[in-house]
N, C-alpha and C. Protein backbone atom coordinates (compact mmCIF):
# COMPACT_ATOMS: atom_id res chain seq x y z
N MET A 1 0.83 -1.18 0.00
CA MET A 1 0.00 0.00 0.00
C MET A 1 0.88 1.25 0.00
N VAL A 2 0.39 2.27 -0.64
CA VAL A 2 1.11 3.53 -0.69
C VAL A 2 1.13 4.15 0.69
N GLY A 3 2.27 4.66 1.10
CA GLY A 3 2.36 5.33 2.39
C GLY A 3 2.41 4.39 3.57
N GLY A 4 2.48 3.10 3.36
CA GLY A 4 2.61 2.15 4.44
C GLY A 4 1.33 1.89 5.21
N CYS A 5 0.22 2.35 4.72
CA CYS A 5 -1.04 2.13 5.41
C CYS A 5 -1.56 0.73 5.11
N ALA A 6 -1.95 0.03 6.14
CA ALA A 6 -2.52 -1.30 5.96
C ALA A 6 -3.99 -1.17 5.59
N GLU A 7 -4.42 -2.04 4.72
CA GLU A 7 -5.81 -2.05 4.28
C GLU A 7 -6.63 -2.85 5.30
N SER A 8 -7.71 -2.28 5.78
CA SER A 8 -8.55 -2.99 6.74
C SER A 8 -9.36 -4.07 6.02
N SER A 9 -9.94 -4.96 6.78
CA SER A 9 -10.78 -6.01 6.21
C SER A 9 -11.96 -5.41 5.46
N THR A 10 -12.56 -4.40 6.02
CA THR A 10 -13.69 -3.74 5.37
C THR A 10 -13.26 -3.09 4.07
N GLU A 11 -12.12 -2.39 4.10
CA GLU A 11 -11.62 -1.74 2.88
C GLU A 11 -11.30 -2.76 1.80
N ARG A 12 -10.69 -3.87 2.20
CA ARG A 12 -10.34 -4.92 1.23
C ARG A 12 -11.61 -5.49 0.59
N ALA A 13 -12.60 -5.78 1.40
CA ALA A 13 -13.86 -6.31 0.87
C ALA A 13 -14.51 -5.29 -0.07
N GLN A 14 -14.55 -4.05 0.33
CA GLN A 14 -15.18 -3.01 -0.49
C GLN A 14 -14.42 -2.78 -1.80
N ARG A 15 -13.12 -3.02 -1.80
CA ARG A 15 -12.32 -2.85 -3.01
C ARG A 15 -12.50 -4.04 -3.96
N LEU A 16 -12.53 -5.27 -3.42
CA LEU A 16 -12.54 -6.46 -4.26
C LEU A 16 -13.93 -6.90 -4.71
N GLU A 17 -14.95 -6.67 -3.91
CA GLU A 17 -16.28 -7.19 -4.25
C GLU A 17 -16.84 -6.63 -5.55
N PRO A 18 -16.66 -5.36 -5.86
CA PRO A 18 -17.14 -4.89 -7.17
C PRO A 18 -16.44 -5.61 -8.33
N MET A 19 -15.17 -5.92 -8.17
CA MET A 19 -14.44 -6.65 -9.22
C MET A 19 -14.95 -8.08 -9.33
N LEU A 20 -15.24 -8.71 -8.19
CA LEU A 20 -15.80 -10.07 -8.22
C LEU A 20 -17.13 -10.08 -8.98
N ALA A 21 -17.98 -9.13 -8.67
CA ALA A 21 -19.29 -9.04 -9.34
C ALA A 21 -19.10 -8.78 -10.83
N GLN A 22 -18.19 -7.86 -11.17
CA GLN A 22 -17.94 -7.54 -12.58
C GLN A 22 -17.38 -8.75 -13.33
N ALA A 23 -16.61 -9.58 -12.65
CA ALA A 23 -16.03 -10.78 -13.27
C ALA A 23 -17.04 -11.91 -13.39
N GLY A 24 -18.23 -11.73 -12.84
CA GLY A 24 -19.28 -12.74 -12.98
C GLY A 24 -19.45 -13.68 -11.81
N PHE A 25 -18.75 -13.40 -10.69
CA PHE A 25 -18.96 -14.22 -9.50
C PHE A 25 -20.38 -13.98 -8.99
N ARG A 26 -20.96 -15.04 -8.47
CA ARG A 26 -22.32 -14.97 -7.94
C ARG A 26 -22.24 -14.81 -6.42
N MET A 27 -22.99 -13.85 -5.90
CA MET A 27 -23.01 -13.62 -4.46
C MET A 27 -24.06 -14.54 -3.81
N VAL A 28 -23.62 -15.28 -2.81
CA VAL A 28 -24.52 -16.17 -2.06
C VAL A 28 -24.54 -15.67 -0.62
N PRO A 29 -25.65 -15.09 -0.18
CA PRO A 29 -25.70 -14.55 1.18
C PRO A 29 -25.70 -15.66 2.23
N ALA A 30 -25.07 -15.35 3.35
CA ALA A 30 -25.10 -16.28 4.49
C ALA A 30 -26.34 -15.92 5.30
N ASP A 31 -27.50 -16.26 4.75
CA ASP A 31 -28.77 -15.83 5.31
C ASP A 31 -29.49 -16.88 6.14
N THR A 32 -28.79 -17.97 6.43
CA THR A 32 -29.33 -18.98 7.34
C THR A 32 -28.26 -19.26 8.39
N ALA A 33 -28.66 -19.87 9.47
CA ALA A 33 -27.69 -20.20 10.53
C ALA A 33 -26.61 -21.15 10.00
N ALA A 34 -26.99 -22.12 9.19
CA ALA A 34 -26.03 -23.08 8.65
C ALA A 34 -25.02 -22.39 7.72
N ARG A 35 -25.52 -21.51 6.85
CA ARG A 35 -24.61 -20.78 5.95
C ARG A 35 -23.70 -19.85 6.73
N SER A 36 -24.24 -19.20 7.72
CA SER A 36 -23.44 -18.29 8.53
C SER A 36 -22.33 -19.05 9.26
N GLU A 37 -22.66 -20.21 9.77
CA GLU A 37 -21.67 -21.04 10.45
C GLU A 37 -20.57 -21.47 9.47
N LYS A 38 -20.96 -21.90 8.27
CA LYS A 38 -19.98 -22.32 7.27
C LYS A 38 -19.11 -21.14 6.83
N LEU A 39 -19.71 -19.98 6.68
CA LEU A 39 -18.96 -18.78 6.31
C LEU A 39 -17.89 -18.48 7.35
N GLY A 40 -18.23 -18.66 8.62
CA GLY A 40 -17.30 -18.41 9.71
C GLY A 40 -16.11 -19.36 9.73
N ARG A 41 -16.24 -20.51 9.08
CA ARG A 41 -15.14 -21.48 9.06
C ARG A 41 -14.21 -21.29 7.86
N LEU A 42 -14.61 -20.44 6.91
CA LEU A 42 -13.79 -20.22 5.71
C LEU A 42 -12.78 -19.10 5.95
N THR A 43 -11.64 -19.19 5.27
CA THR A 43 -10.65 -18.13 5.35
C THR A 43 -11.24 -16.88 4.72
N PRO A 44 -11.34 -15.79 5.48
CA PRO A 44 -11.99 -14.59 4.95
C PRO A 44 -11.10 -13.81 3.99
N LEU A 45 -11.76 -13.23 3.00
CA LEU A 45 -11.16 -12.27 2.07
C LEU A 45 -9.96 -12.80 1.30
N ARG A 46 -9.96 -14.08 1.03
CA ARG A 46 -8.92 -14.72 0.23
C ARG A 46 -9.61 -15.61 -0.81
N MET A 47 -9.05 -15.60 -2.01
CA MET A 47 -9.60 -16.46 -3.05
C MET A 47 -9.19 -17.90 -2.76
N ASN A 48 -10.14 -18.79 -2.82
CA ASN A 48 -9.92 -20.21 -2.60
C ASN A 48 -10.49 -20.97 -3.78
N TYR A 49 -10.01 -22.19 -3.99
CA TYR A 49 -10.57 -22.98 -5.08
C TYR A 49 -10.55 -24.45 -4.73
N GLN A 50 -11.35 -25.18 -5.48
CA GLN A 50 -11.42 -26.63 -5.34
C GLN A 50 -11.67 -27.22 -6.72
N SER A 51 -10.97 -28.28 -7.04
CA SER A 51 -11.18 -28.97 -8.31
C SER A 51 -12.07 -30.18 -8.08
N HIS A 52 -12.99 -30.38 -8.99
CA HIS A 52 -13.89 -31.52 -8.92
C HIS A 52 -14.24 -31.92 -10.36
N ASN A 53 -13.97 -33.17 -10.70
CA ASN A 53 -14.23 -33.68 -12.05
C ASN A 53 -13.59 -32.81 -13.13
N GLY A 54 -12.38 -32.34 -12.87
CA GLY A 54 -11.66 -31.56 -13.87
C GLY A 54 -12.05 -30.10 -13.96
N LYS A 55 -12.99 -29.67 -13.15
CA LYS A 55 -13.42 -28.27 -13.15
C LYS A 55 -13.06 -27.64 -11.82
N SER A 56 -12.63 -26.39 -11.89
CA SER A 56 -12.30 -25.67 -10.66
C SER A 56 -13.42 -24.72 -10.30
N SER A 57 -13.75 -24.69 -9.03
CA SER A 57 -14.71 -23.73 -8.48
C SER A 57 -13.94 -22.80 -7.55
N TYR A 58 -14.25 -21.54 -7.62
CA TYR A 58 -13.57 -20.53 -6.81
C TYR A 58 -14.57 -19.86 -5.88
N TRP A 59 -14.08 -19.48 -4.70
CA TRP A 59 -14.94 -18.75 -3.78
C TRP A 59 -14.13 -17.76 -2.98
N PHE A 60 -14.84 -16.74 -2.52
CA PHE A 60 -14.27 -15.64 -1.75
C PHE A 60 -15.25 -15.35 -0.63
N ALA A 61 -14.84 -15.58 0.60
CA ALA A 61 -15.73 -15.41 1.76
C ALA A 61 -15.58 -14.02 2.36
N ASP A 62 -16.71 -13.35 2.58
CA ASP A 62 -16.70 -12.04 3.21
C ASP A 62 -17.64 -12.01 4.41
N PRO A 63 -17.11 -12.24 5.60
CA PRO A 63 -17.94 -12.15 6.80
C PRO A 63 -18.05 -10.73 7.35
N TYR A 64 -17.42 -9.75 6.68
CA TYR A 64 -17.34 -8.40 7.22
C TYR A 64 -18.33 -7.41 6.60
N VAL A 65 -18.43 -7.38 5.29
CA VAL A 65 -19.25 -6.36 4.63
C VAL A 65 -20.58 -6.96 4.17
N CYS A 66 -20.52 -7.90 3.24
CA CYS A 66 -21.78 -8.44 2.70
C CYS A 66 -22.26 -9.66 3.46
N HIS A 67 -21.41 -10.22 4.32
CA HIS A 67 -21.75 -11.45 5.04
C HIS A 67 -22.24 -12.49 4.02
N CYS A 68 -21.33 -12.76 3.05
CA CYS A 68 -21.71 -13.62 1.94
C CYS A 68 -20.49 -14.36 1.41
N LEU A 69 -20.76 -15.19 0.42
CA LEU A 69 -19.73 -15.94 -0.28
C LEU A 69 -19.90 -15.62 -1.76
N TYR A 70 -18.81 -15.24 -2.42
CA TYR A 70 -18.81 -15.06 -3.87
C TYR A 70 -18.31 -16.36 -4.48
N VAL A 71 -19.07 -16.91 -5.44
CA VAL A 71 -18.76 -18.20 -6.04
C VAL A 71 -18.63 -18.01 -7.55
N GLY A 72 -17.58 -18.62 -8.12
CA GLY A 72 -17.39 -18.48 -9.56
C GLY A 72 -16.63 -19.63 -10.17
N SER A 73 -16.53 -19.56 -11.48
CA SER A 73 -15.85 -20.58 -12.27
C SER A 73 -14.41 -20.16 -12.56
N GLU A 74 -13.71 -21.03 -13.25
CA GLU A 74 -12.34 -20.71 -13.65
C GLU A 74 -12.33 -19.49 -14.58
N GLN A 75 -13.33 -19.39 -15.44
CA GLN A 75 -13.45 -18.23 -16.33
C GLN A 75 -13.66 -16.95 -15.52
N ASN A 76 -14.53 -17.01 -14.52
CA ASN A 76 -14.76 -15.85 -13.64
C ASN A 76 -13.48 -15.45 -12.94
N TYR A 77 -12.74 -16.44 -12.48
CA TYR A 77 -11.47 -16.17 -11.79
C TYR A 77 -10.49 -15.48 -12.73
N GLY A 78 -10.39 -15.95 -13.96
CA GLY A 78 -9.51 -15.32 -14.94
C GLY A 78 -9.87 -13.87 -15.18
N GLN A 79 -11.17 -13.58 -15.28
CA GLN A 79 -11.62 -12.20 -15.47
C GLN A 79 -11.30 -11.35 -14.24
N PHE A 80 -11.48 -11.94 -13.06
CA PHE A 80 -11.16 -11.24 -11.81
C PHE A 80 -9.68 -10.87 -11.76
N GLU A 81 -8.82 -11.82 -12.13
CA GLU A 81 -7.38 -11.56 -12.12
C GLU A 81 -7.02 -10.44 -13.10
N GLN A 82 -7.67 -10.40 -14.25
CA GLN A 82 -7.43 -9.32 -15.22
C GLN A 82 -7.84 -7.98 -14.62
N LEU A 83 -8.96 -7.95 -13.94
CA LEU A 83 -9.43 -6.70 -13.31
C LEU A 83 -8.47 -6.25 -12.21
N LYS A 84 -7.99 -7.19 -11.42
CA LYS A 84 -7.03 -6.85 -10.36
C LYS A 84 -5.74 -6.30 -10.97
N HIS A 85 -5.28 -6.93 -12.04
CA HIS A 85 -4.06 -6.48 -12.70
C HIS A 85 -4.24 -5.06 -13.24
N ALA A 86 -5.38 -4.79 -13.84
CA ALA A 86 -5.66 -3.45 -14.36
C ALA A 86 -5.69 -2.42 -13.23
N GLU A 87 -6.26 -2.81 -12.09
CA GLU A 87 -6.30 -1.91 -10.93
C GLU A 87 -4.88 -1.60 -10.44
N GLN A 88 -4.03 -2.62 -10.39
CA GLN A 88 -2.65 -2.44 -9.95
C GLN A 88 -1.88 -1.52 -10.90
N GLU A 89 -2.10 -1.70 -12.20
CA GLU A 89 -1.44 -0.83 -13.19
C GLU A 89 -1.91 0.61 -13.03
N GLU A 90 -3.20 0.79 -12.79
CA GLU A 90 -3.75 2.14 -12.60
C GLU A 90 -3.16 2.80 -11.36
N LYS A 91 -3.05 2.04 -10.27
CA LYS A 91 -2.46 2.59 -9.05
C LYS A 91 -1.00 2.96 -9.27
N ALA A 92 -0.26 2.10 -9.98
CA ALA A 92 1.15 2.39 -10.26
C ALA A 92 1.28 3.66 -11.11
N GLN A 93 0.39 3.81 -12.09
CA GLN A 93 0.42 5.01 -12.93
C GLN A 93 0.10 6.25 -12.11
N ASN A 94 -0.86 6.14 -11.18
CA ASN A 94 -1.20 7.27 -10.33
C ASN A 94 -0.02 7.68 -9.45
N VAL A 95 0.71 6.70 -8.94
CA VAL A 95 1.89 6.99 -8.11
C VAL A 95 2.95 7.69 -8.96
N THR A 96 3.16 7.19 -10.18
CA THR A 96 4.12 7.82 -11.10
C THR A 96 3.69 9.24 -11.42
N ASP A 97 2.41 9.43 -11.71
CA ASP A 97 1.90 10.78 -12.02
C ASP A 97 2.10 11.72 -10.84
N MET A 98 1.86 11.24 -9.62
CA MET A 98 2.04 12.08 -8.43
C MET A 98 3.51 12.44 -8.25
N ALA A 99 4.40 11.49 -8.49
CA ALA A 99 5.84 11.74 -8.36
C ALA A 99 6.29 12.75 -9.41
N ASP A 100 5.79 12.60 -10.64
CA ASP A 100 6.13 13.55 -11.71
C ASP A 100 5.64 14.95 -11.34
N GLN A 101 4.43 15.04 -10.80
CA GLN A 101 3.88 16.34 -10.40
C GLN A 101 4.71 16.96 -9.29
N ALA A 102 5.14 16.15 -8.34
CA ALA A 102 5.96 16.66 -7.22
C ALA A 102 7.30 17.18 -7.74
N ARG A 103 7.91 16.45 -8.67
CA ARG A 103 9.19 16.90 -9.25
C ARG A 103 9.00 18.20 -10.03
N TYR A 104 7.91 18.30 -10.77
CA TYR A 104 7.62 19.52 -11.53
C TYR A 104 7.46 20.71 -10.59
N GLU A 105 6.67 20.52 -9.53
CA GLU A 105 6.45 21.61 -8.59
C GLU A 105 7.74 22.00 -7.88
N GLU A 106 8.58 21.01 -7.57
CA GLU A 106 9.88 21.29 -6.95
C GLU A 106 10.75 22.12 -7.89
N PHE A 107 10.74 21.77 -9.19
CA PHE A 107 11.53 22.51 -10.17
C PHE A 107 11.00 23.94 -10.32
N ILE A 108 9.70 24.08 -10.47
CA ILE A 108 9.10 25.41 -10.67
C ILE A 108 9.42 26.32 -9.49
N ASN A 109 9.43 25.77 -8.30
CA ASN A 109 9.67 26.57 -7.10
C ASN A 109 11.15 26.70 -6.77
N SER A 110 12.02 26.15 -7.58
CA SER A 110 13.47 26.22 -7.34
C SER A 110 14.05 27.45 -8.04
N PRO A 111 15.29 27.78 -7.70
CA PRO A 111 15.95 28.87 -8.42
C PRO A 111 16.03 28.61 -9.92
N ALA A 112 16.23 27.34 -10.33
CA ALA A 112 16.28 27.04 -11.76
C ALA A 112 14.95 27.34 -12.43
N GLY A 113 13.87 27.03 -11.76
CA GLY A 113 12.55 27.33 -12.30
C GLY A 113 12.35 28.83 -12.46
N GLU A 114 12.85 29.60 -11.53
CA GLU A 114 12.73 31.05 -11.62
C GLU A 114 13.48 31.58 -12.84
N VAL A 115 14.66 31.00 -13.12
CA VAL A 115 15.44 31.43 -14.28
C VAL A 115 14.70 31.11 -15.58
N PHE A 116 14.15 29.88 -15.66
CA PHE A 116 13.50 29.47 -16.89
C PHE A 116 12.12 30.11 -17.09
N TYR A 117 11.42 30.34 -16.01
CA TYR A 117 10.06 30.85 -16.13
C TYR A 117 9.89 32.27 -15.62
N GLY A 118 11.00 32.92 -15.25
CA GLY A 118 10.97 34.33 -14.88
C GLY A 118 10.15 34.67 -13.66
N GLN A 119 10.14 33.81 -12.71
CA GLN A 119 9.35 34.10 -11.49
C GLN A 119 10.18 34.81 -10.47
């Protein structure tokens, strides 16, 4: 994370769940006592998978925000990974843009900037 700030469980869920939905994962609410109990036994906010008969099923448990399980296929998982990668590239570009802006402002406010721009 930028600036050394740790992402809270709520922030992580709020950041990833829109991508899961966009990738086609289906949200299954933990709306019964049995589902809620099962949700509590799953590793929260981590992608998990299981193979059965040559097919992989993926799930993402969120006991914090939606109190639900996102369930998807291998295709959904691939789309999710593409979305995550795009988000990471966008964040990296934003960091680069901020650094470029800071260097520009430092130059403009320096003696060299005064010479070039007559300030």
